[in-house]
Amino acid sequence: MKLLHRTSALSFYMIHTGFQNFKTRIAEELSATSGVNLDDIVDDDTLHVLYRNGESPEFVAASIGCGYED
């Protein structure tokens, strides 16, 4: 029988704060360049996949914001 490894509270905190920083950087970039609210167009599940894949916040913001240029 395989033992399940528990994620320590510190590990969970680091993962969560890393994602929150990633999301905040994207939101700031979008609001500065195109005035788009991140929460209105992309959900956290989609952003989490991009975060886990190692995409940069700048790339994600540019990809999201390209359809919203004035």
N, C-alpha and C. Protein backbone atom coordinates (compact mmCIF):
# COMPACT_ATOMS: atom_id res chain seq x y z
N MET A 1 0.84 -1.17 0.00
CA MET A 1 0.00 0.00 0.00
C MET A 1 0.89 1.24 0.00
N LYS A 2 0.56 2.15 -0.87
CA LYS A 2 1.33 3.37 -0.99
C LYS A 2 0.93 4.39 0.08
N LEU A 3 1.90 5.01 0.67
CA LEU A 3 1.61 6.05 1.64
C LEU A 3 1.38 7.38 0.92
N LEU A 4 0.42 8.11 1.37
CA LEU A 4 0.16 9.43 0.81
C LEU A 4 1.05 10.45 1.50
N HIS A 5 1.67 11.29 0.72
CA HIS A 5 2.49 12.35 1.30
C HIS A 5 1.63 13.58 1.53
N ARG A 6 1.72 14.11 2.70
CA ARG A 6 0.98 15.32 3.00
C ARG A 6 1.80 16.53 2.58
N THR A 7 1.11 17.50 2.05
CA THR A 7 1.76 18.75 1.73
C THR A 7 1.83 19.55 3.01
N SER A 8 3.02 19.98 3.35
CA SER A 8 3.17 20.74 4.58
C SER A 8 2.48 22.09 4.44
N ALA A 9 2.16 22.68 5.54
CA ALA A 9 1.51 23.99 5.54
C ALA A 9 2.40 25.02 4.87
N LEU A 10 3.69 24.93 5.08
CA LEU A 10 4.61 25.87 4.46
C LEU A 10 4.63 25.70 2.94
N SER A 11 4.63 24.47 2.46
CA SER A 11 4.61 24.22 1.02
C SER A 11 3.33 24.75 0.39
N PHE A 12 2.21 24.50 1.03
CA PHE A 12 0.94 25.00 0.53
C PHE A 12 0.94 26.52 0.49
N TYR A 13 1.45 27.14 1.53
CA TYR A 13 1.52 28.60 1.60
C TYR A 13 2.38 29.15 0.47
N MET A 14 3.52 28.52 0.21
CA MET A 14 4.42 28.99 -0.85
C MET A 14 3.77 28.86 -2.22
N ILE A 15 3.09 27.75 -2.46
CA ILE A 15 2.41 27.55 -3.73
C ILE A 15 1.30 28.57 -3.90
N HIS A 16 0.51 28.77 -2.86
CA HIS A 16 -0.62 29.69 -2.91
C HIS A 16 -0.15 31.13 -3.11
N THR A 17 0.85 31.56 -2.37
CA THR A 17 1.31 32.94 -2.51
C THR A 17 2.01 33.15 -3.85
N GLY A 18 2.66 32.14 -4.38
CA GLY A 18 3.25 32.25 -5.70
C GLY A 18 2.18 32.46 -6.76
N PHE A 19 1.10 31.72 -6.66
CA PHE A 19 -0.01 31.88 -7.61
C PHE A 19 -0.65 33.24 -7.45
N GLN A 20 -0.84 33.69 -6.21
CA GLN A 20 -1.46 35.00 -5.99
C GLN A 20 -0.59 36.12 -6.56
N ASN A 21 0.73 36.01 -6.41
CA ASN A 21 1.63 37.00 -7.00
C ASN A 21 1.56 36.98 -8.53
N PHE A 22 1.51 35.79 -9.11
CA PHE A 22 1.36 35.61 -10.54
C PHE A 22 0.09 36.29 -11.04
N LYS A 23 -1.01 36.04 -10.35
CA LYS A 23 -2.30 36.62 -10.73
C LYS A 23 -2.30 38.14 -10.57
N THR A 24 -1.70 38.63 -9.51
CA THR A 24 -1.64 40.07 -9.27
C THR A 24 -0.83 40.77 -10.34
N ARG A 25 0.30 40.18 -10.73
CA ARG A 25 1.13 40.79 -11.78
C ARG A 25 0.40 40.84 -13.11
N ILE A 26 -0.36 39.81 -13.42
CA ILE A 26 -1.14 39.81 -14.66
C ILE A 26 -2.23 40.88 -14.60
N ALA A 27 -2.94 40.95 -13.48
CA ALA A 27 -4.01 41.93 -13.33
C ALA A 27 -3.47 43.35 -13.44
N GLU A 28 -2.33 43.63 -12.82
CA GLU A 28 -1.74 44.96 -12.89
C GLU A 28 -1.33 45.31 -14.32
N GLU A 29 -0.74 44.35 -15.02
CA GLU A 29 -0.32 44.58 -16.40
C GLU A 29 -1.53 44.84 -17.30
N LEU A 30 -2.58 44.06 -17.13
CA LEU A 30 -3.78 44.25 -17.95
C LEU A 30 -4.45 45.59 -17.69
N SER A 31 -4.56 45.97 -16.43
CA SER A 31 -5.21 47.25 -16.13
C SER A 31 -4.39 48.43 -16.60
N ALA A 32 -3.07 48.30 -16.59
CA ALA A 32 -2.21 49.39 -17.05
C ALA A 32 -2.20 49.52 -18.57
N THR A 33 -2.24 48.41 -19.28
CA THR A 33 -2.12 48.47 -20.74
C THR A 33 -3.44 48.55 -21.48
N SER A 34 -4.47 47.85 -20.98
CA SER A 34 -5.71 47.82 -21.74
C SER A 34 -6.96 48.13 -20.91
N GLY A 35 -6.80 48.33 -19.61
CA GLY A 35 -7.94 48.66 -18.76
C GLY A 35 -8.91 47.51 -18.55
N VAL A 36 -8.46 46.29 -18.79
CA VAL A 36 -9.31 45.11 -18.65
C VAL A 36 -9.19 44.56 -17.24
N ASN A 37 -10.32 44.13 -16.67
CA ASN A 37 -10.32 43.50 -15.36
C ASN A 37 -10.11 41.99 -15.55
N LEU A 38 -9.05 41.47 -14.97
CA LEU A 38 -8.69 40.06 -15.14
C LEU A 38 -9.80 39.11 -14.71
N ASP A 39 -10.45 39.40 -13.60
CA ASP A 39 -11.47 38.50 -13.08
C ASP A 39 -12.69 38.39 -13.99
N ASP A 40 -12.88 39.38 -14.86
CA ASP A 40 -14.02 39.35 -15.77
C ASP A 40 -13.81 38.44 -16.97
N ILE A 41 -12.55 38.14 -17.30
CA ILE A 41 -12.32 37.40 -18.54
C ILE A 41 -11.66 36.03 -18.37
N VAL A 42 -10.97 35.79 -17.26
CA VAL A 42 -10.28 34.51 -17.06
C VAL A 42 -10.54 34.02 -15.64
N ASP A 43 -10.83 32.72 -15.51
CA ASP A 43 -11.04 32.16 -14.18
C ASP A 43 -9.73 31.64 -13.59
N ASP A 44 -9.75 31.39 -12.30
CA ASP A 44 -8.54 30.95 -11.59
C ASP A 44 -8.04 29.59 -12.06
N ASP A 45 -8.95 28.71 -12.47
CA ASP A 45 -8.52 27.38 -12.93
C ASP A 45 -7.65 27.48 -14.16
N THR A 46 -8.02 28.35 -15.09
CA THR A 46 -7.22 28.55 -16.30
C THR A 46 -5.88 29.16 -15.96
N LEU A 47 -5.89 30.16 -15.08
CA LEU A 47 -4.64 30.80 -14.68
C LEU A 47 -3.73 29.83 -13.94
N HIS A 48 -4.32 28.95 -13.15
CA HIS A 48 -3.51 28.00 -12.39
C HIS A 48 -2.78 27.04 -13.32
N VAL A 49 -3.42 26.65 -14.40
CA VAL A 49 -2.76 25.78 -15.39
C VAL A 49 -1.57 26.51 -16.00
N LEU A 50 -1.75 27.76 -16.36
CA LEU A 50 -0.66 28.54 -16.93
C LEU A 50 0.47 28.73 -15.92
N TYR A 51 0.11 28.96 -14.66
CA TYR A 51 1.11 29.12 -13.59
C TYR A 51 1.92 27.84 -13.42
N ARG A 52 1.25 26.70 -13.40
CA ARG A 52 1.95 25.42 -13.23
C ARG A 52 2.80 25.06 -14.43
N ASN A 53 2.43 25.56 -15.62
CA ASN A 53 3.22 25.31 -16.82
C ASN A 53 4.44 26.22 -16.91
N GLY A 54 4.53 27.19 -16.03
CA GLY A 54 5.70 28.06 -15.98
C GLY A 54 5.65 29.25 -16.92
N GLU A 55 4.46 29.60 -17.37
CA GLU A 55 4.35 30.78 -18.24
C GLU A 55 4.64 32.04 -17.44
N SER A 56 5.24 33.01 -18.10
CA SER A 56 5.54 34.26 -17.41
C SER A 56 4.28 35.13 -17.34
N PRO A 57 4.14 35.92 -16.29
CA PRO A 57 2.98 36.81 -16.18
C PRO A 57 2.89 37.80 -17.35
N GLU A 58 4.03 38.25 -17.84
CA GLU A 58 4.03 39.19 -18.94
C GLU A 58 3.47 38.56 -20.21
N PHE A 59 3.87 37.31 -20.47
CA PHE A 59 3.36 36.59 -21.64
C PHE A 59 1.86 36.37 -21.53
N VAL A 60 1.40 35.95 -20.36
CA VAL A 60 -0.03 35.68 -20.17
C VAL A 60 -0.82 36.97 -20.32
N ALA A 61 -0.34 38.05 -19.73
CA ALA A 61 -1.04 39.34 -19.84
C ALA A 61 -1.10 39.80 -21.29
N ALA A 62 -0.02 39.65 -22.03
CA ALA A 62 0.00 40.04 -23.43
C ALA A 62 -0.95 39.16 -24.24
N SER A 63 -1.00 37.90 -23.94
CA SER A 63 -1.90 36.98 -24.66
C SER A 63 -3.36 37.30 -24.38
N ILE A 64 -3.67 37.62 -23.14
CA ILE A 64 -5.03 37.95 -22.78
C ILE A 64 -5.42 39.33 -23.33
N GLY A 65 -4.52 40.27 -23.19
CA GLY A 65 -4.83 41.65 -23.55
C GLY A 65 -4.80 41.94 -25.03
N CYS A 66 -4.27 41.05 -25.85
CA CYS A 66 -4.15 41.35 -27.28
C CYS A 66 -5.50 41.51 -27.94
N GLY A 67 -6.52 40.85 -27.44
CA GLY A 67 -7.85 41.00 -28.01
C GLY A 67 -8.61 42.21 -27.50
N TYR A 68 -8.02 42.92 -26.56
CA TYR A 68 -8.69 44.04 -25.94
C TYR A 68 -7.98 45.37 -26.18
N GLU A 69 -7.11 45.43 -27.16
CA GLU A 69 -6.40 46.66 -27.48
C GLU A 69 -7.39 47.68 -28.05
N ASP A 70 -7.19 48.93 -27.73
CA ASP A 70 -8.05 50.01 -28.26
C ASP A 70 -7.56 50.47 -29.60
